[in-house]
Amino acid sequence: MTKKDIVMKVSNDTNLTQIDVKRIVQRTLDVILESLERGETVELRNFGVFKVKIRRGRIGRNPRTGEEVTVPEKKVVVFKPGLVLKHKVK
């Protein structure tokens, strides 16, 4: 499912125009992104939690040459599904 599919479904279910729904969906995603950029946790009750974790640096290996390379630490976004989402997906 794409963002466009979500917009069309919500538009059909709510009798709002696709343009209005698209603005709302995009703004919602923008707010989530802005919060994650600030390092905040985003909790959507019964859906799940988005948060930023720092993946530690490590020593890796180039598979082609076998040479050791340093992999620096980096920030990654992780998602932990909520109970309702877990049960619905099962």
PDB file of N, CA and C in Angstrom:
ATOM      1  N   MET A   1       0.841  -1.172   0.000  1.00  0.00           N
ATOM      2  CA  MET A   1       0.000   0.000   0.000  1.00  0.00           C
ATOM      3  C   MET A   1       0.890   1.241   0.000  1.00  0.00           C
ATOM      4  N   THR A   2       0.551   2.189  -0.818  1.00  0.00           N
ATOM      5  CA  THR A   2       1.322   3.425  -0.918  1.00  0.00           C
ATOM      6  C   THR A   2       0.584   4.565  -0.222  1.00  0.00           C
ATOM      7  N   LYS A   3       1.262   5.697  -0.120  1.00  0.00           N
ATOM      8  CA  LYS A   3       0.625   6.877   0.479  1.00  0.00           C
ATOM      9  C   LYS A   3      -0.606   7.278  -0.334  1.00  0.00           C
ATOM     10  N   LYS A   4      -0.523   7.149  -1.625  1.00  0.00           N
ATOM     11  CA  LYS A   4      -1.662   7.487  -2.487  1.00  0.00           C
ATOM     12  C   LYS A   4      -2.853   6.575  -2.189  1.00  0.00           C
ATOM     13  N   ASP A   5      -2.589   5.288  -1.968  1.00  0.00           N
ATOM     14  CA  ASP A   5      -3.662   4.350  -1.627  1.00  0.00           C
ATOM     15  C   ASP A   5      -4.319   4.735  -0.300  1.00  0.00           C
ATOM     16  N   ILE A   6      -3.507   5.143   0.673  1.00  0.00           N
ATOM     17  CA  ILE A   6      -4.030   5.568   1.968  1.00  0.00           C
ATOM     18  C   ILE A   6      -4.919   6.796   1.795  1.00  0.00           C
ATOM     19  N   VAL A   7      -4.441   7.755   1.017  1.00  0.00           N
ATOM     20  CA  VAL A   7      -5.209   8.985   0.776  1.00  0.00           C
ATOM     21  C   VAL A   7      -6.543   8.653   0.127  1.00  0.00           C
ATOM     22  N   MET A   8      -6.541   7.797  -0.863  1.00  0.00           N
ATOM     23  CA  MET A   8      -7.778   7.444  -1.563  1.00  0.00           C
ATOM     24  C   MET A   8      -8.755   6.732  -0.626  1.00  0.00           C
ATOM     25  N   LYS A   9      -8.248   5.808   0.190  1.00  0.00           N
ATOM     26  CA  LYS A   9      -9.106   5.062   1.120  1.00  0.00           C
ATOM     27  C   LYS A   9      -9.732   5.997   2.155  1.00  0.00           C
ATOM     28  N   VAL A  10      -8.926   6.858   2.754  1.00  0.00           N
ATOM     29  CA  VAL A  10      -9.441   7.792   3.764  1.00  0.00           C
ATOM     30  C   VAL A  10     -10.425   8.761   3.118  1.00  0.00           C
ATOM     31  N   SER A  11     -10.114   9.218   1.928  1.00  0.00           N
ATOM     32  CA  SER A  11     -11.000  10.137   1.220  1.00  0.00           C
ATOM     33  C   SER A  11     -12.369   9.496   0.971  1.00  0.00           C
ATOM     34  N   ASN A  12     -12.355   8.259   0.530  1.00  0.00           N
ATOM     35  CA  ASN A  12     -13.615   7.550   0.266  1.00  0.00           C
ATOM     36  C   ASN A  12     -14.402   7.309   1.555  1.00  0.00           C
ATOM     37  N   ASP A  13     -13.693   6.997   2.645  1.00  0.00           N
ATOM     38  CA  ASP A  13     -14.367   6.682   3.911  1.00  0.00           C
ATOM     39  C   ASP A  13     -14.904   7.918   4.629  1.00  0.00           C
ATOM     40  N   THR A  14     -14.333   9.086   4.367  1.00  0.00           N
ATOM     41  CA  THR A  14     -14.694  10.285   5.129  1.00  0.00           C
ATOM     42  C   THR A  14     -15.413  11.345   4.303  1.00  0.00           C
ATOM     43  N   ASN A  15     -15.518  11.141   3.016  1.00  0.00           N
ATOM     44  CA  ASN A  15     -16.124  12.128   2.112  1.00  0.00           C
ATOM     45  C   ASN A  15     -15.365  13.457   2.110  1.00  0.00           C
ATOM     46  N   LEU A  16     -14.066  13.425   2.421  1.00  0.00           N
ATOM     47  CA  LEU A  16     -13.202  14.595   2.277  1.00  0.00           C
ATOM     48  C   LEU A  16     -12.527  14.498   0.919  1.00  0.00           C
ATOM     49  N   THR A  17     -12.086  15.634   0.391  1.00  0.00           N
ATOM     50  CA  THR A  17     -11.410  15.603  -0.906  1.00  0.00           C
ATOM     51  C   THR A  17     -10.033  14.966  -0.742  1.00  0.00           C
ATOM     52  N   GLN A  18      -9.557  14.377  -1.814  1.00  0.00           N
ATOM     53  CA  GLN A  18      -8.235  13.748  -1.793  1.00  0.00           C
ATOM     54  C   GLN A  18      -7.148  14.776  -1.494  1.00  0.00           C
ATOM     55  N   ILE A  19      -7.321  15.984  -1.964  1.00  0.00           N
ATOM     56  CA  ILE A  19      -6.327  17.033  -1.722  1.00  0.00           C
ATOM     57  C   ILE A  19      -6.228  17.341  -0.233  1.00  0.00           C
ATOM     58  N   ASP A  20      -7.384  17.461   0.446  1.00  0.00           N
ATOM     59  CA  ASP A  20      -7.376  17.732   1.881  1.00  0.00           C
ATOM     60  C   ASP A  20      -6.762  16.572   2.664  1.00  0.00           C
ATOM     61  N   VAL A  21      -7.141  15.354   2.292  1.00  0.00           N
ATOM     62  CA  VAL A  21      -6.608  14.176   2.984  1.00  0.00           C
ATOM     63  C   VAL A  21      -5.102  14.065   2.750  1.00  0.00           C
ATOM     64  N   LYS A  22      -4.664  14.365   1.532  1.00  0.00           N
ATOM     65  CA  LYS A  22      -3.234  14.290   1.226  1.00  0.00           C
ATOM     66  C   LYS A  22      -2.449  15.274   2.092  1.00  0.00           C
ATOM     67  N   ARG A  23      -2.986  16.477   2.260  1.00  0.00           N
ATOM     68  CA  ARG A  23      -2.323  17.471   3.124  1.00  0.00           C
ATOM     69  C   ARG A  23      -2.236  16.974   4.563  1.00  0.00           C
ATOM     70  N   ILE A  24      -3.318  16.390   5.057  1.00  0.00           N
ATOM     71  CA  ILE A  24      -3.346  15.895   6.429  1.00  0.00           C
ATOM     72  C   ILE A  24      -2.356  14.749   6.611  1.00  0.00           C
ATOM     73  N   VAL A  25      -2.368  13.793   5.685  1.00  0.00           N
ATOM     74  CA  VAL A  25      -1.457  12.656   5.779  1.00  0.00           C
ATOM     75  C   VAL A  25      -0.007  13.136   5.706  1.00  0.00           C
ATOM     76  N   GLN A  26       0.289  14.029   4.762  1.00  0.00           N
ATOM     77  CA  GLN A  26       1.657  14.520   4.618  1.00  0.00           C
ATOM     78  C   GLN A  26       2.104  15.291   5.849  1.00  0.00           C
ATOM     79  N   ARG A  27       1.226  16.115   6.396  1.00  0.00           N
ATOM     80  CA  ARG A  27       1.582  16.885   7.599  1.00  0.00           C
ATOM     81  C   ARG A  27       1.819  15.959   8.786  1.00  0.00           C
ATOM     82  N   THR A  28       1.008  14.913   8.896  1.00  0.00           N
ATOM     83  CA  THR A  28       1.202  13.924   9.958  1.00  0.00           C
ATOM     84  C   THR A  28       2.575  13.278   9.841  1.00  0.00           C
ATOM     85  N   LEU A  29       2.939  12.868   8.635  1.00  0.00           N
ATOM     86  CA  LEU A  29       4.251  12.257   8.416  1.00  0.00           C
ATOM     87  C   LEU A  29       5.377  13.253   8.684  1.00  0.00           C
ATOM     88  N   ASP A  30       5.165  14.523   8.312  1.00  0.00           N
ATOM     89  CA  ASP A  30       6.170  15.559   8.565  1.00  0.00           C
ATOM     90  C   ASP A  30       6.394  15.760  10.057  1.00  0.00           C
ATOM     91  N   VAL A  31       5.319  15.757  10.837  1.00  0.00           N
ATOM     92  CA  VAL A  31       5.431  15.930  12.291  1.00  0.00           C
ATOM     93  C   VAL A  31       6.194  14.759  12.905  1.00  0.00           C
ATOM     94  N   ILE A  32       5.903  13.544  12.447  1.00  0.00           N
ATOM     95  CA  ILE A  32       6.633  12.367  12.943  1.00  0.00           C
ATOM     96  C   ILE A  32       8.110  12.497  12.607  1.00  0.00           C
ATOM     97  N   LEU A  33       8.424  12.879  11.381  1.00  0.00           N
ATOM     98  CA  LEU A  33       9.808  13.038  10.944  1.00  0.00           C
ATOM     99  C   LEU A  33      10.529  14.106  11.747  1.00  0.00           C
ATOM    100  N   GLU A  34       9.876  15.248  11.966  1.00  0.00           N
ATOM    101  CA  GLU A  34      10.494  16.336  12.737  1.00  0.00           C
ATOM    102  C   GLU A  34      10.799  15.885  14.163  1.00  0.00           C
ATOM    103  N   SER A  35       9.890  15.131  14.762  1.00  0.00           N
ATOM    104  CA  SER A  35      10.107  14.632  16.121  1.00  0.00           C
ATOM    105  C   SER A  35      11.285  13.667  16.166  1.00  0.00           C
ATOM    106  N   LEU A  36      11.376  12.782  15.180  1.00  0.00           N
ATOM    107  CA  LEU A  36      12.489  11.835  15.138  1.00  0.00           C
ATOM    108  C   LEU A  36      13.817  12.553  14.897  1.00  0.00           C
ATOM    109  N   GLU A  37      13.805  13.601  14.087  1.00  0.00           N
ATOM    110  CA  GLU A  37      15.023  14.383  13.858  1.00  0.00           C
ATOM    111  C   GLU A  37      15.536  14.998  15.150  1.00  0.00           C
ATOM    112  N   ARG A  38      14.615  15.371  16.045  1.00  0.00           N
ATOM    113  CA  ARG A  38      15.001  15.943  17.343  1.00  0.00           C
ATOM    114  C   ARG A  38      15.354  14.867  18.360  1.00  0.00           C
ATOM    115  N   GLY A  39      15.260  13.596  17.952  1.00  0.00           N
ATOM    116  CA  GLY A  39      15.592  12.502  18.854  1.00  0.00           C
ATOM    117  C   GLY A  39      14.462  12.103  19.781  1.00  0.00           C
ATOM    118  N   GLU A  40      13.264  12.586  19.507  1.00  0.00           N
ATOM    119  CA  GLU A  40      12.116  12.264  20.346  1.00  0.00           C
ATOM    120  C   GLU A  40      11.502  10.928  19.935  1.00  0.00           C
ATOM    121  N   THR A  41      10.826  10.302  20.882  1.00  0.00           N
ATOM    122  CA  THR A  41      10.095   9.078  20.609  1.00  0.00           C
ATOM    123  C   THR A  41       8.674   9.443  20.187  1.00  0.00           C
ATOM    124  N   VAL A  42       8.151   8.753  19.174  1.00  0.00           N
ATOM    125  CA  VAL A  42       6.790   8.990  18.700  1.00  0.00           C
ATOM    126  C   VAL A  42       5.977   7.740  19.026  1.00  0.00           C
ATOM    127  N   GLU A  43       5.011   7.899  19.919  1.00  0.00           N
ATOM    128  CA  GLU A  43       4.183   6.776  20.350  1.00  0.00           C
ATOM    129  C   GLU A  43       2.766   6.965  19.839  1.00  0.00           C
ATOM    130  N   LEU A  44       2.320   6.032  19.022  1.00  0.00           N
ATOM    131  CA  LEU A  44       0.950   6.024  18.520  1.00  0.00           C
ATOM    132  C   LEU A  44       0.244   4.868  19.213  1.00  0.00           C
ATOM    133  N   ARG A  45      -0.566   5.192  20.203  1.00  0.00           N
ATOM    134  CA  ARG A  45      -1.222   4.171  21.041  1.00  0.00           C
ATOM    135  C   ARG A  45      -1.897   3.103  20.182  1.00  0.00           C
ATOM    136  N   ASN A  46      -1.731   1.879  20.576  1.00  0.00           N
ATOM    137  CA  ASN A  46      -2.296   0.692  19.921  1.00  0.00           C
ATOM    138  C   ASN A  46      -1.734   0.449  18.521  1.00  0.00           C
ATOM    139  N   PHE A  47      -0.834   1.287  18.062  1.00  0.00           N
ATOM    140  CA  PHE A  47      -0.202   1.065  16.764  1.00  0.00           C
ATOM    141  C   PHE A  47       1.254   0.687  16.946  1.00  0.00           C
ATOM    142  N   GLY A  48       2.032   1.584  17.573  1.00  0.00           N
ATOM    143  CA  GLY A  48       3.431   1.277  17.801  1.00  0.00           C
ATOM    144  C   GLY A  48       4.232   2.502  18.177  1.00  0.00           C
ATOM    145  N   VAL A  49       5.542   2.298  18.317  1.00  0.00           N
ATOM    146  CA  VAL A  49       6.452   3.349  18.754  1.00  0.00           C
ATOM    147  C   VAL A  49       7.602   3.456  17.758  1.00  0.00           C
ATOM    148  N   PHE A  50       7.868   4.680  17.321  1.00  0.00           N
ATOM    149  CA  PHE A  50       9.036   4.977  16.497  1.00  0.00           C
ATOM    150  C   PHE A  50      10.056   5.654  17.394  1.00  0.00           C
ATOM    151  N   LYS A  51      11.318   5.253  17.308  1.00  0.00           N
ATOM    152  CA  LYS A  51      12.352   5.974  18.034  1.00  0.00           C
ATOM    153  C   LYS A  51      13.685   5.841  17.319  1.00  0.00           C
ATOM    154  N   VAL A  52      14.577   6.745  17.680  1.00  0.00           N
ATOM    155  CA  VAL A  52      15.905   6.769  17.076  1.00  0.00           C
ATOM    156  C   VAL A  52      16.869   6.083  18.034  1.00  0.00           C
ATOM    157  N   LYS A  53      17.631   5.139  17.505  1.00  0.00           N
ATOM    158  CA  LYS A  53      18.661   4.460  18.286  1.00  0.00           C
ATOM    159  C   LYS A  53      20.008   4.729  17.627  1.00  0.00           C
ATOM    160  N   ILE A  54      21.037   4.663  18.434  1.00  0.00           N
ATOM    161  CA  ILE A  54      22.383   4.816  17.894  1.00  0.00           C
ATOM    162  C   ILE A  54      22.996   3.431  17.764  1.00  0.00           C
ATOM    163  N   ARG A  55      23.368   3.085  16.549  1.00  0.00           N
ATOM    164  CA  ARG A  55      24.045   1.815  16.295  1.00  0.00           C
ATOM    165  C   ARG A  55      25.534   2.051  16.489  1.00  0.00           C
ATOM    166  N   ARG A  56      26.137   1.290  17.390  1.00  0.00           N
ATOM    167  CA  ARG A  56      27.556   1.478  17.703  1.00  0.00           C
ATOM    168  C   ARG A  56      28.446   1.230  16.495  1.00  0.00           C
ATOM    169  N   GLY A  57      29.583   1.904  16.504  1.00  0.00           N
ATOM    170  CA  GLY A  57      30.575   1.679  15.467  1.00  0.00           C
ATOM    171  C   GLY A  57      31.203   0.299  15.647  1.00  0.00           C
ATOM    172  N   ARG A  58      31.775  -0.214  14.591  1.00  0.00           N
ATOM    173  CA  ARG A  58      32.383  -1.547  14.673  1.00  0.00           C
ATOM    174  C   ARG A  58      33.438  -1.698  13.597  1.00  0.00           C
ATOM    175  N   ILE A  59      34.145  -2.784  13.671  1.00  0.00           N
ATOM    176  CA  ILE A  59      35.114  -3.119  12.627  1.00  0.00           C
ATOM    177  C   ILE A  59      34.434  -4.103  11.687  1.00  0.00           C
ATOM    178  N   GLY A  60      34.362  -3.730  10.419  1.00  0.00           N
ATOM    179  CA  GLY A  60      33.760  -4.596   9.412  1.00  0.00           C
ATOM    180  C   GLY A  60      34.836  -5.132   8.487  1.00  0.00           C
ATOM    181  N   ARG A  61      34.416  -5.869   7.496  1.00  0.00           N
ATOM    182  CA  ARG A  61      35.364  -6.448   6.550  1.00  0.00           C
ATOM    183  C   ARG A  61      34.809  -6.270   5.143  1.00  0.00           C
ATOM    184  N   ASN A  62      35.668  -5.804   4.253  1.00  0.00           N
ATOM    185  CA  ASN A  62      35.294  -5.688   2.853  1.00  0.00           C
ATOM    186  C   ASN A  62      35.210  -7.106   2.288  1.00  0.00           C
ATOM    187  N   PRO A  63      34.038  -7.539   1.820  1.00  0.00           N
ATOM    188  CA  PRO A  63      33.903  -8.923   1.358  1.00  0.00           C
ATOM    189  C   PRO A  63      34.733  -9.243   0.112  1.00  0.00           C
ATOM    190  N   ARG A  64      35.033  -8.229  -0.666  1.00  0.00           N
ATOM    191  CA  ARG A  64      35.791  -8.462  -1.896  1.00  0.00           C
ATOM    192  C   ARG A  64      37.276  -8.632  -1.617  1.00  0.00           C
ATOM    193  N   THR A  65      37.831  -7.766  -0.765  1.00  0.00           N
ATOM    194  CA  THR A  65      39.278  -7.792  -0.528  1.00  0.00           C
ATOM    195  C   THR A  65      39.652  -8.434   0.804  1.00  0.00           C
ATOM    196  N   GLY A  66      38.689  -8.547   1.712  1.00  0.00           N
ATOM    197  CA  GLY A  66      38.989  -9.087   3.028  1.00  0.00           C
ATOM    198  C   GLY A  66      39.614  -8.059   3.958  1.00  0.00           C
ATOM    199  N   GLU A  67      39.770  -6.833   3.472  1.00  0.00           N
ATOM    200  CA  GLU A  67      40.391  -5.773   4.262  1.00  0.00           C
ATOM    201  C   GLU A  67      39.442  -5.298   5.358  1.00  0.00           C
ATOM    202  N   GLU A  68      40.008  -5.038   6.546  1.00  0.00           N
ATOM    203  CA  GLU A  68      39.199  -4.513   7.643  1.00  0.00           C
ATOM    204  C   GLU A  68      38.893  -3.041   7.399  1.00  0.00           C
ATOM    205  N   VAL A  69      37.657  -2.658   7.690  1.00  0.00           N
ATOM    206  CA  VAL A  69      37.254  -1.267   7.564  1.00  0.00           C
ATOM    207  C   VAL A  69      36.493  -0.869   8.827  1.00  0.00           C
ATOM    208  N   THR A  70      36.615   0.399   9.195  1.00  0.00           N
ATOM    209  CA  THR A  70      35.902   0.903  10.351  1.00  0.00           C
ATOM    210  C   THR A  70      34.528   1.384   9.915  1.00  0.00           C
ATOM    211  N   VAL A  71      33.500   0.851  10.558  1.00  0.00           N
ATOM    212  CA  VAL A  71      32.131   1.277  10.296  1.00  0.00           C
ATOM    213  C   VAL A  71      31.765   2.218  11.437  1.00  0.00           C
ATOM    214  N   PRO A  72      31.523   3.502  11.133  1.00  0.00           N
ATOM    215  CA  PRO A  72      31.229   4.457  12.207  1.00  0.00           C
ATOM    216  C   PRO A  72      29.851   4.233  12.812  1.00  0.00           C
ATOM    217  N   GLU A  73      29.638   4.782  14.020  1.00  0.00           N
ATOM    218  CA  GLU A  73      28.307   4.684  14.616  1.00  0.00           C
ATOM    219  C   GLU A  73      27.344   5.527  13.797  1.00  0.00           C
ATOM    220  N   LYS A  74      26.073   5.143  13.835  1.00  0.00           N
ATOM    221  CA  LYS A  74      25.084   5.909  13.096  1.00  0.00           C
ATOM    222  C   LYS A  74      23.730   5.804  13.790  1.00  0.00           C
ATOM    223  N   LYS A  75      22.870   6.750  13.477  1.00  0.00           N
ATOM    224  CA  LYS A  75      21.522   6.761  14.032  1.00  0.00           C
ATOM    225  C   LYS A  75      20.600   6.020  13.065  1.00  0.00           C
ATOM    226  N   VAL A  76      19.724   5.189  13.648  1.00  0.00           N
ATOM    227  CA  VAL A  76      18.749   4.463  12.849  1.00  0.00           C
ATOM    228  C   VAL A  76      17.375   4.604  13.504  1.00  0.00           C
ATOM    229  N   VAL A  77      16.330   4.583  12.691  1.00  0.00           N
ATOM    230  CA  VAL A  77      14.968   4.635  13.203  1.00  0.00           C
ATOM    231  C   VAL A  77      14.482   3.197  13.380  1.00  0.00           C
ATOM    232  N   VAL A  78      13.932   2.912  14.558  1.00  0.00           N
ATOM    233  CA  VAL A  78      13.378   1.589  14.816  1.00  0.00           C
ATOM    234  C   VAL A  78      11.886   1.739  15.118  1.00  0.00           C
ATOM    235  N   PHE A  79      11.141   0.690  14.811  1.00  0.00           N
ATOM    236  CA  PHE A  79       9.699   0.677  15.063  1.00  0.00           C
ATOM    237  C   PHE A  79       9.371  -0.559  15.869  1.00  0.00           C
ATOM    238  N   LYS A  80       8.636  -0.356  16.949  1.00  0.00           N
ATOM    239  CA  LYS A  80       8.176  -1.471  17.772  1.00  0.00           C
ATOM    240  C   LYS A  80       6.651  -1.467  17.712  1.00  0.00           C
ATOM    241  N   PRO A  81       6.054  -2.520  17.137  1.00  0.00           N
ATOM    242  CA  PRO A  81       4.599  -2.540  17.013  1.00  0.00           C
ATOM    243  C   PRO A  81       3.914  -2.652  18.365  1.00  0.00           C
ATOM    244  N   GLY A  82       2.736  -2.044  18.463  1.00  0.00           N
ATOM    245  CA  GLY A  82       1.930  -2.122  19.676  1.00  0.00           C
ATOM    246  C   GLY A  82       1.158  -3.432  19.724  1.00  0.00           C
ATOM    247  N   LEU A  83       0.518  -3.697  20.860  1.00  0.00           N
ATOM    248  CA  LEU A  83      -0.209  -4.954  21.051  1.00  0.00           C
ATOM    249  C   LEU A  83      -1.335  -5.149  20.044  1.00  0.00           C
ATOM    250  N   VAL A  84      -2.123  -4.105  19.807  1.00  0.00           N
ATOM    251  CA  VAL A  84      -3.246  -4.237  18.878  1.00  0.00           C
ATOM    252  C   VAL A  84      -2.735  -4.577  17.483  1.00  0.00           C
ATOM    253  N   LEU A  85      -1.676  -3.908  17.041  1.00  0.00           N
ATOM    254  CA  LEU A  85      -1.100  -4.190  15.727  1.00  0.00           C
ATOM    255  C   LEU A  85      -0.570  -5.625  15.660  1.00  0.00           C
ATOM    256  N   LYS A  86       0.110  -6.066  16.701  1.00  0.00           N
ATOM    257  CA  LYS A  86       0.641  -7.434  16.733  1.00  0.00           C
ATOM    258  C   LYS A  86      -0.480  -8.452  16.597  1.00  0.00           C
ATOM    259  N   HIS A  87      -1.571  -8.243  17.341  1.00  0.00           N
ATOM    260  CA  HIS A  87      -2.671  -9.205  17.304  1.00  0.00           C
ATOM    261  C   HIS A  87      -3.412  -9.183  15.968  1.00  0.00           C
ATOM    262  N   LYS A  88      -3.544  -8.022  15.362  1.00  0.00           N
ATOM    263  CA  LYS A  88      -4.262  -7.939  14.080  1.00  0.00           C
ATOM    264  C   LYS A  88      -3.447  -8.576  12.949  1.00  0.00           C
ATOM    265  N   VAL A  89      -2.118  -8.499  13.034  1.00  0.00           N
ATOM    266  CA  VAL A  89      -1.272  -9.039  11.970  1.00  0.00           C
ATOM    267  C   VAL A  89      -1.177 -10.567  12.073  1.00  0.00           C
ATOM    268  N   LYS A  90      -1.311 -11.104  13.274  1.00  0.00           N
ATOM    269  CA  LYS A  90      -1.221 -12.564  13.460  1.00  0.00           C
ATOM    270  C   LYS A  90      -2.253 -13.270  12.705  1.00  0.00           C
TER     271      LYS A  90
END
